[in-house]
C-alpha atoms as a PDB file:
ATOM      1  CA  MET A   1     134.630 101.575 153.373  1.00  0.00           C
ATOM      2  CA  GLY A   2     136.089 102.621 150.022  1.00  0.00           C
ATOM      3  CA  VAL A   3     132.720 102.077 148.353  1.00  0.00           C
ATOM      4  CA  MET A   4     130.821 104.067 150.984  1.00  0.00           C
ATOM      5  CA  ILE A   5     132.762 107.323 150.534  1.00  0.00           C
ATOM      6  CA  PRO A   6     131.580 108.065 146.954  1.00  0.00           C
ATOM      7  CA  ILE A   7     128.031 107.040 147.837  1.00  0.00           C
ATOM      8  CA  ILE A   8     127.902 109.261 150.919  1.00  0.00           C
ATOM      9  CA  GLY A   9     129.584 112.096 149.017  1.00  0.00           C
ATOM     10  CA  THR A  10     127.052 111.903 146.188  1.00  0.00           C
ATOM     11  CA  ILE A  11     124.101 111.795 148.571  1.00  0.00           C
ATOM     12  CA  GLY A  12     125.551 114.686 150.597  1.00  0.00           C
ATOM     13  CA  LEU A  13     126.055 116.793 147.470  1.00  0.00           C
ATOM     14  CA  PHE A  14     122.489 116.069 146.338  1.00  0.00           C
ATOM     15  CA  ILE A  15     121.072 117.085 149.725  1.00  0.00           C
ATOM     16  CA  ALA A  16     123.208 120.252 149.779  1.00  0.00           C
ATOM     17  CA  VAL A  17     121.919 121.309 146.357  1.00  0.00           C
ATOM     18  CA  ILE A  18     118.320 120.701 147.436  1.00  0.00           C
ATOM     19  CA  TYR A  19     118.753 122.793 150.597  1.00  0.00           C
ATOM     20  CA  ILE A  20     120.457 125.614 148.716  1.00  0.00           C
ATOM     21  CA  ARG A  21     117.576 125.750 146.229  1.00  0.00           C
ATOM     22  CA  LYS A  22     115.035 125.609 149.084  1.00  0.00           C
ATOM     23  CA  PHE A  23     116.602 128.537 150.941  1.00  0.00           C
ATOM     24  CA  GLN A  24     116.920 130.577 147.742  1.00  0.00           C
ATOM     25  CA  ASN A  25     113.221 130.036 147.106  1.00  0.00           C
ATOM     26  CA  MET A  26     112.351 131.024 150.686  1.00  0.00           C
ATOM     27  CA  GLU A  27     114.443 134.180 150.342  1.00  0.00           C
ATOM     28  CA  ARG A  28     112.713 135.134 147.092  1.00  0.00           C
ATOM     29  CA  MET A  29     109.295 134.559 148.630  1.00  0.00           C
ATOM     30  CA  ALA A  30     110.200 136.781 151.592  1.00  0.00           C
ATOM     31  CA  ILE A  31     111.298 139.560 149.220  1.00  0.00           C
ATOM     32  CA  ILE A  32     108.072 139.258 147.220  1.00  0.00           C
ATOM     33  CA  GLU A  33     105.993 139.354 150.422  1.00  0.00           C
ATOM     34  CA  LYS A  34     107.720 142.592 151.453  1.00  0.00           C
ATOM     35  CA  GLY A  35     106.777 144.089 148.097  1.00  0.00           C
ATOM     36  CA  LEU A  36     110.316 144.433 146.761  1.00  0.00           C
ATOM     37  CA  ASN A  37     111.482 143.618 143.246  1.00  0.00           C
ATOM     38  CA  PRO A  38     112.725 139.986 142.946  1.00  0.00           C
ATOM     39  CA  ASP A  39     114.589 140.780 139.705  1.00  0.00           C
ATOM     40  CA  ILE A  40     117.783 141.378 141.688  1.00  0.00           C
ATOM     41  CA  PHE A  41     118.356 137.616 141.560  1.00  0.00           C
ATOM     42  CA  LYS A  42     118.369 137.405 137.779  1.00  0.00           C
ATOM     43  CA  LYS A  43     121.867 137.045 136.423  1.00  0.00           C
ATOM     44  CA  GLU A  44     122.962 138.323 133.059  1.00  0.00           C
ATOM     45  CA  SER A  45     124.032 135.481 130.847  1.00  0.00           C
ATOM     46  CA  THR A  46     127.673 135.876 130.004  1.00  0.00           C
ATOM     47  CA  SER A  47     130.142 133.659 128.241  1.00  0.00           C
ATOM     48  CA  ALA A  48     133.118 134.822 130.313  1.00  0.00           C
ATOM     49  CA  GLY A  49     133.266 131.678 132.451  1.00  0.00           C
ATOM     50  CA  THR A  50     132.951 129.429 129.450  1.00  0.00           C
ATOM     51  CA  LEU A  51     135.681 131.325 127.615  1.00  0.00           C
ATOM     52  CA  ARG A  52     137.967 131.149 130.656  1.00  0.00           C
ATOM     53  CA  GLY A  53     137.394 127.421 131.065  1.00  0.00           C
ATOM     54  CA  ALA A  54     137.906 126.716 127.388  1.00  0.00           C
ATOM     55  CA  MET A  55     141.124 128.703 127.193  1.00  0.00           C
ATOM     56  CA  LEU A  56     142.410 127.051 130.382  1.00  0.00           C
ATOM     57  CA  LEU A  57     141.761 123.586 128.982  1.00  0.00           C
ATOM     58  CA  ILE A  58     143.291 124.481 125.611  1.00  0.00           C
ATOM     59  CA  GLY A  59     146.355 125.844 127.405  1.00  0.00           C
ATOM     60  CA  ALA A  60     146.566 122.766 129.627  1.00  0.00           C
ATOM     61  CA  GLY A  61     146.339 120.491 126.595  1.00  0.00           C
ATOM     62  CA  LEU A  62     149.080 122.401 124.816  1.00  0.00           C
ATOM     63  CA  GLY A  63     151.121 122.324 128.024  1.00  0.00           C
ATOM     64  CA  LEU A  64     150.833 118.549 128.280  1.00  0.00           C
ATOM     65  CA  LEU A  65     151.768 118.219 124.622  1.00  0.00           C
ATOM     66  CA  MET A  66     154.803 120.472 125.115  1.00  0.00           C
ATOM     67  CA  GLY A  67     155.727 118.554 128.292  1.00  0.00           C
ATOM     68  CA  TYR A  68     155.606 115.302 126.337  1.00  0.00           C
ATOM     69  CA  TRP A  69     157.861 116.827 123.696  1.00  0.00           C
ATOM     70  CA  LEU A  70     160.316 118.044 126.344  1.00  0.00           C
ATOM     71  CA  ASP A  71     160.319 114.615 127.962  1.00  0.00           C
ATOM     72  CA  ARG A  72     161.108 112.920 124.665  1.00  0.00           C
ATOM     73  CA  ALA A  73     163.600 115.484 123.376  1.00  0.00           C
ATOM     74  CA  PHE A  74     165.522 116.360 126.543  1.00  0.00           C
ATOM     75  CA  ASP A  75     164.602 113.519 128.947  1.00  0.00           C
ATOM     76  CA  MET A  76     163.124 115.942 131.507  1.00  0.00           C
ATOM     77  CA  GLU A  77     160.634 113.440 133.000  1.00  0.00           C
ATOM     78  CA  GLU A  78     157.874 114.882 135.230  1.00  0.00           C
ATOM     79  CA  VAL A  79     159.343 118.358 135.531  1.00  0.00           C
ATOM     80  CA  GLY A  80     158.513 119.216 131.930  1.00  0.00           C
ATOM     81  CA  TYR A  81     154.903 118.103 132.250  1.00  0.00           C
ATOM     82  CA  PHE A  82     154.098 120.137 135.350  1.00  0.00           C
ATOM     83  CA  ALA A  83     155.997 123.224 134.269  1.00  0.00           C
ATOM     84  CA  MET A  84     154.444 123.342 130.825  1.00  0.00           C
ATOM     85  CA  LEU A  85     150.985 122.562 132.207  1.00  0.00           C
ATOM     86  CA  PHE A  86     151.110 125.566 134.535  1.00  0.00           C
ATOM     87  CA  ILE A  87     152.801 127.879 132.023  1.00  0.00           C
ATOM     88  CA  PHE A  88     150.407 127.160 129.161  1.00  0.00           C
ATOM     89  CA  GLY A  89     147.383 127.087 131.492  1.00  0.00           C
ATOM     90  CA  GLY A  90     148.360 130.569 132.703  1.00  0.00           C
ATOM     91  CA  VAL A  91     148.877 131.751 129.141  1.00  0.00           C
ATOM     92  CA  GLY A  92     145.409 130.445 128.264  1.00  0.00           C
ATOM     93  CA  LEU A  93     143.868 132.379 131.171  1.00  0.00           C
ATOM     94  CA  GLY A  94     145.810 135.485 130.126  1.00  0.00           C
ATOM     95  CA  ILE A  95     144.467 135.241 126.585  1.00  0.00           C
ATOM     96  CA  ALA A  96     140.934 134.782 127.956  1.00  0.00           C
ATOM     97  CA  TYR A  97     141.382 137.933 130.061  1.00  0.00           C
ATOM     98  CA  ILE A  98     142.577 139.927 127.045  1.00  0.00           C
ATOM     99  CA  LEU A  99     139.631 138.693 124.953  1.00  0.00           C
ATOM    100  CA  GLU A 100     137.162 139.615 127.725  1.00  0.00           C
ATOM    101  CA  GLU A 101     138.660 143.108 128.051  1.00  0.00           C
ATOM    102  CA  ARG A 102     138.414 143.665 124.296  1.00  0.00           C
ATOM    103  CA  LYS A 103     134.799 142.495 124.331  1.00  0.00           C
ATOM    104  CA  ASN A 104     133.949 144.815 127.253  1.00  0.00           C
ATOM    105  CA  ALA A 105     135.726 147.765 125.594  1.00  0.00           C
ATOM    106  CA  ARG A 106     133.511 147.423 122.503  1.00  0.00           C
ATOM    107  CA  LYS A 107     130.325 147.779 124.540  1.00  0.00           C
END
């Protein structure tokens, strides 16, 4: 049973992606048939998500490093790891937000 769950999950995810793409294509075809502009589906490429993810992972890495230091220096055990992970992850997201706002202000 433990082997079947990942297999079924992977197959289910694959089928879900196929159906989502199929229905998106059907929706676009219906819009084209009605004579409307299908360009509403085009997304602007932005690096905001990538920046947010990168800063979150950098913050999480620094948080784990700081948690390790707290564990060694003050014998805090798991509390230091989780606290620093969340604190530094939040700081990373805050820095990403500030960088995005500065980038948008320049435009």
